[in-house]
Amino acid sequence: FELYVLPSLLPHIQLSPVEATAMWQLEDALRTAGAEIAVYYDSRGLVPRKRSAQLDIRRIPCSTRKGFFHPKMFLPLREPVDAQSTEAEQLIVLTTSANLTQAGWWENLEVAHLEVLDGGSKSSMRDELLDVIARVRRSAPGGAEHRALDTVRAFVRRLQPRIHRSSGGRL
């Protein structure tokens, strides 16, 4: 996640090819931006690797009564570059078959659906996103910190629901 997925969410950073330097650059970028990042995962599905995570990213183990917790959704919230910007805050909604691994993001043939939602706009997926957020929260252990998820939830609540969309009498 740290070396292969996170950099794709921070395209403005030119990372060093030296892994240790790249990790320092990512840590500095996250701290400078004040970014809240949380990864919700099913600990029963983790495969041990050679080394553990290094960045200060909130990791929240989740569980379900049946099966595995495996939503594979990425919900990065993109804020305007600066206070003078006329850009709206945006939520990138990425639903994918890819795991948070190098193979999942860079080697395997995977499928994904991406939508970008502008702050305050209409969205037919508003209520479903709120439902997914509530389910993720319920899957997490009691007392878990959800600042990143709460920020996304607040954005989604500001979206206006679009009940249906039609043209010429057709949906």
Protein backbone atom coordinates (compact mmCIF):
# COMPACT_ATOMS: atom_id res chain seq x y z
CA PHE A 1 0.00 0.00 0.00
CA GLU A 2 2.64 2.50 1.01
CA LEU A 3 4.93 2.17 -1.99
CA TYR A 4 2.47 1.26 -4.74
CA VAL A 5 -1.03 2.54 -3.92
CA LEU A 6 -0.46 5.66 -1.83
CA PRO A 7 1.83 7.32 -4.42
CA SER A 8 -0.90 6.93 -7.05
CA LEU A 9 -3.15 9.03 -4.81
CA LEU A 10 -0.46 11.71 -4.49
CA PRO A 11 0.52 12.35 -8.12
CA HIS A 12 2.07 15.76 -7.41
CA ILE A 13 4.96 14.13 -5.54
CA GLN A 14 7.99 13.00 -7.53
CA LEU A 15 9.26 10.07 -5.49
CA SER A 16 12.85 8.94 -5.35
CA PRO A 17 13.63 5.51 -6.81
CA VAL A 18 15.43 4.77 -3.53
CA GLU A 19 12.82 3.09 -1.33
CA ALA A 20 13.98 4.58 1.98
CA THR A 21 13.99 8.10 0.51
CA ALA A 22 10.57 7.56 -1.09
CA MET A 23 9.14 6.52 2.29
CA TRP A 24 10.56 9.67 3.89
CA GLN A 25 9.06 11.80 1.07
CA LEU A 26 5.64 10.17 1.56
CA GLU A 27 5.78 10.64 5.33
CA ASP A 28 6.73 14.30 4.90
CA ALA A 29 3.98 14.90 2.33
CA LEU A 30 1.32 13.34 4.56
CA ARG A 31 2.45 15.30 7.61
CA THR A 32 2.66 18.60 5.68
CA ALA A 33 -0.81 18.12 4.18
CA GLY A 34 -2.33 17.06 7.50
CA ALA A 35 -3.82 14.11 5.65
CA GLU A 36 -6.03 11.67 7.53
CA ILE A 37 -5.68 8.22 6.01
CA ALA A 38 -7.32 5.07 7.29
CA VAL A 39 -7.19 1.56 5.90
CA TYR A 40 -9.99 -0.76 6.98
CA TYR A 41 -9.08 -4.40 6.51
CA ASP A 42 -9.97 -7.93 7.57
CA SER A 43 -7.05 -9.21 9.62
CA ARG A 44 -8.05 -12.80 8.78
CA GLY A 45 -7.23 -12.07 5.14
CA LEU A 46 -3.76 -10.61 5.62
CA VAL A 47 -0.75 -12.46 4.30
CA PRO A 48 2.45 -11.78 6.29
CA ARG A 49 5.16 -10.04 4.28
CA LYS A 50 8.88 -9.48 4.77
CA ARG A 51 8.41 -6.16 6.54
CA SER A 52 5.67 -4.24 8.26
CA ALA A 53 4.12 -0.92 7.35
CA GLN A 54 6.22 2.15 8.10
CA LEU A 55 4.01 5.21 7.62
CA ASP A 56 1.69 6.66 10.24
CA ILE A 57 -1.53 5.49 8.63
CA ARG A 58 -4.45 4.40 10.76
CA ARG A 59 -5.07 0.67 10.29
CA ILE A 60 -8.44 -0.57 11.50
CA PRO A 61 -9.13 -4.31 11.61
CA CYS A 62 -12.72 -5.20 10.72
CA SER A 63 -14.76 -8.36 10.94
CA THR A 64 -18.11 -9.66 9.79
CA ARG A 65 -20.23 -12.53 11.08
CA LYS A 66 -20.05 -14.37 7.78
CA GLY A 67 -17.28 -14.34 5.22
CA PHE A 68 -14.56 -11.73 5.02
CA PHE A 69 -14.55 -7.94 5.16
CA HIS A 70 -13.45 -7.21 1.60
CA PRO A 71 -15.10 -4.07 0.11
CA LYS A 72 -12.11 -2.85 -1.99
CA MET A 73 -13.21 0.76 -2.10
CA PHE A 74 -11.00 3.83 -2.10
CA LEU A 75 -12.54 7.12 -1.05
CA PRO A 76 -9.88 9.83 -1.26
CA LEU A 77 -11.16 13.34 -0.66
CA ARG A 78 -9.45 15.90 -2.89
CA GLU A 79 -9.33 19.40 -1.51
CA PRO A 80 -8.57 22.53 -3.55
CA VAL A 81 -4.86 23.21 -3.96
CA ASP A 82 -5.02 26.54 -2.13
CA ALA A 83 -7.52 28.90 -0.47
CA GLN A 84 -7.78 31.11 -3.60
CA SER A 85 -8.70 28.16 -5.82
CA THR A 86 -12.12 28.09 -7.45
CA GLU A 87 -12.05 24.30 -7.54
CA ALA A 88 -14.63 22.44 -5.49
CA GLU A 89 -13.74 19.78 -2.99
CA GLN A 90 -14.11 16.39 -4.68
CA LEU A 91 -14.59 12.82 -3.55
CA ILE A 92 -13.01 10.19 -5.74
CA VAL A 93 -15.05 6.99 -5.51
CA LEU A 94 -13.05 4.01 -6.73
CA THR A 95 -14.50 0.53 -6.52
CA THR A 96 -12.11 -2.13 -7.73
CA SER A 97 -11.24 -5.79 -7.70
CA ALA A 98 -7.63 -4.94 -6.78
CA ASN A 99 -6.12 -5.69 -3.39
CA LEU A 100 -3.84 -3.15 -1.67
CA THR A 101 -0.74 -4.84 -3.02
CA GLN A 102 1.83 -4.25 -5.74
CA ALA A 103 0.33 -7.11 -7.74
CA GLY A 104 -3.20 -5.79 -7.28
CA TRP A 105 -2.35 -2.30 -8.53
CA TRP A 106 0.48 -2.86 -10.98
CA GLU A 107 0.67 -6.46 -12.18
CA ASN A 108 -2.71 -8.23 -12.21
CA LEU A 109 -5.48 -7.62 -14.69
CA GLU A 110 -8.14 -5.97 -12.52
CA VAL A 111 -11.39 -4.10 -13.06
CA ALA A 112 -12.44 -0.78 -11.52
CA HIS A 113 -15.15 1.85 -11.63
CA LEU A 114 -14.23 5.44 -10.83
CA GLU A 115 -16.44 8.47 -10.29
CA VAL A 116 -15.51 11.95 -9.16
CA LEU A 117 -18.15 13.76 -7.11
CA ASP A 118 -18.02 17.53 -6.68
CA GLY A 119 -18.92 18.92 -3.28
CA GLY A 120 -22.61 19.75 -2.96
CA SER A 121 -23.49 18.22 -6.33
CA LYS A 122 -26.23 15.70 -7.02
CA SER A 123 -25.39 12.02 -6.92
CA SER A 124 -27.44 8.88 -7.42
CA MET A 125 -24.96 7.02 -5.20
CA ARG A 126 -25.25 9.31 -2.16
CA ASP A 127 -27.44 7.03 -0.06
CA GLU A 128 -25.50 3.90 -1.02
CA LEU A 129 -22.22 5.57 -0.04
CA LEU A 130 -23.68 6.53 3.33
CA ASP A 131 -24.79 2.91 3.77
CA VAL A 132 -21.31 1.56 2.92
CA ILE A 133 -19.70 4.02 5.34
CA ALA A 134 -22.10 2.94 8.11
CA ARG A 135 -21.40 -0.74 7.41
CA VAL A 136 -17.64 -0.20 7.49
CA ARG A 137 -17.96 1.62 10.78
CA ARG A 138 -20.08 -1.18 12.26
CA SER A 139 -17.47 -3.74 11.15
CA ALA A 140 -14.72 -1.94 13.06
CA PRO A 141 -14.02 -2.60 16.75
CA GLY A 142 -15.70 -0.36 19.31
CA GLY A 143 -13.61 2.64 20.23
CA ALA A 144 -11.81 2.76 16.86
CA GLU A 145 -10.88 6.26 15.63
CA HIS A 146 -12.73 7.17 12.41
CA ARG A 147 -11.58 10.74 11.62
CA ALA A 148 -10.85 9.98 7.96
CA LEU A 149 -14.13 8.10 7.49
CA ASP A 150 -16.07 10.84 9.29
CA THR A 151 -14.58 13.45 6.94
CA VAL A 152 -15.72 11.43 3.92
CA ARG A 153 -19.15 10.90 5.51
CA ALA A 154 -19.58 14.66 6.08
CA PHE A 155 -18.75 15.27 2.40
CA VAL A 156 -21.23 12.62 1.22
CA ARG A 157 -23.98 14.02 3.47
CA ARG A 158 -23.58 17.39 1.69
CA LEU A 159 -24.31 15.73 -1.65
CA GLN A 160 -27.86 16.07 -2.89
CA PRO A 161 -29.61 12.81 -3.69
CA ARG A 162 -30.57 12.21 -7.29
CA ILE A 163 -33.55 9.89 -7.21
CA HIS A 164 -33.42 9.04 -10.89
CA ARG A 165 -32.33 10.55 -14.14
CA SER A 166 -34.31 10.33 -17.30
CA SER A 167 -34.19 11.52 -20.86
CA GLY A 168 -37.07 11.16 -23.26
CA GLY A 169 -38.95 9.03 -20.76
CA ARG A 170 -36.08 6.56 -20.33
CA LEU A 171 -33.84 6.12 -17.32
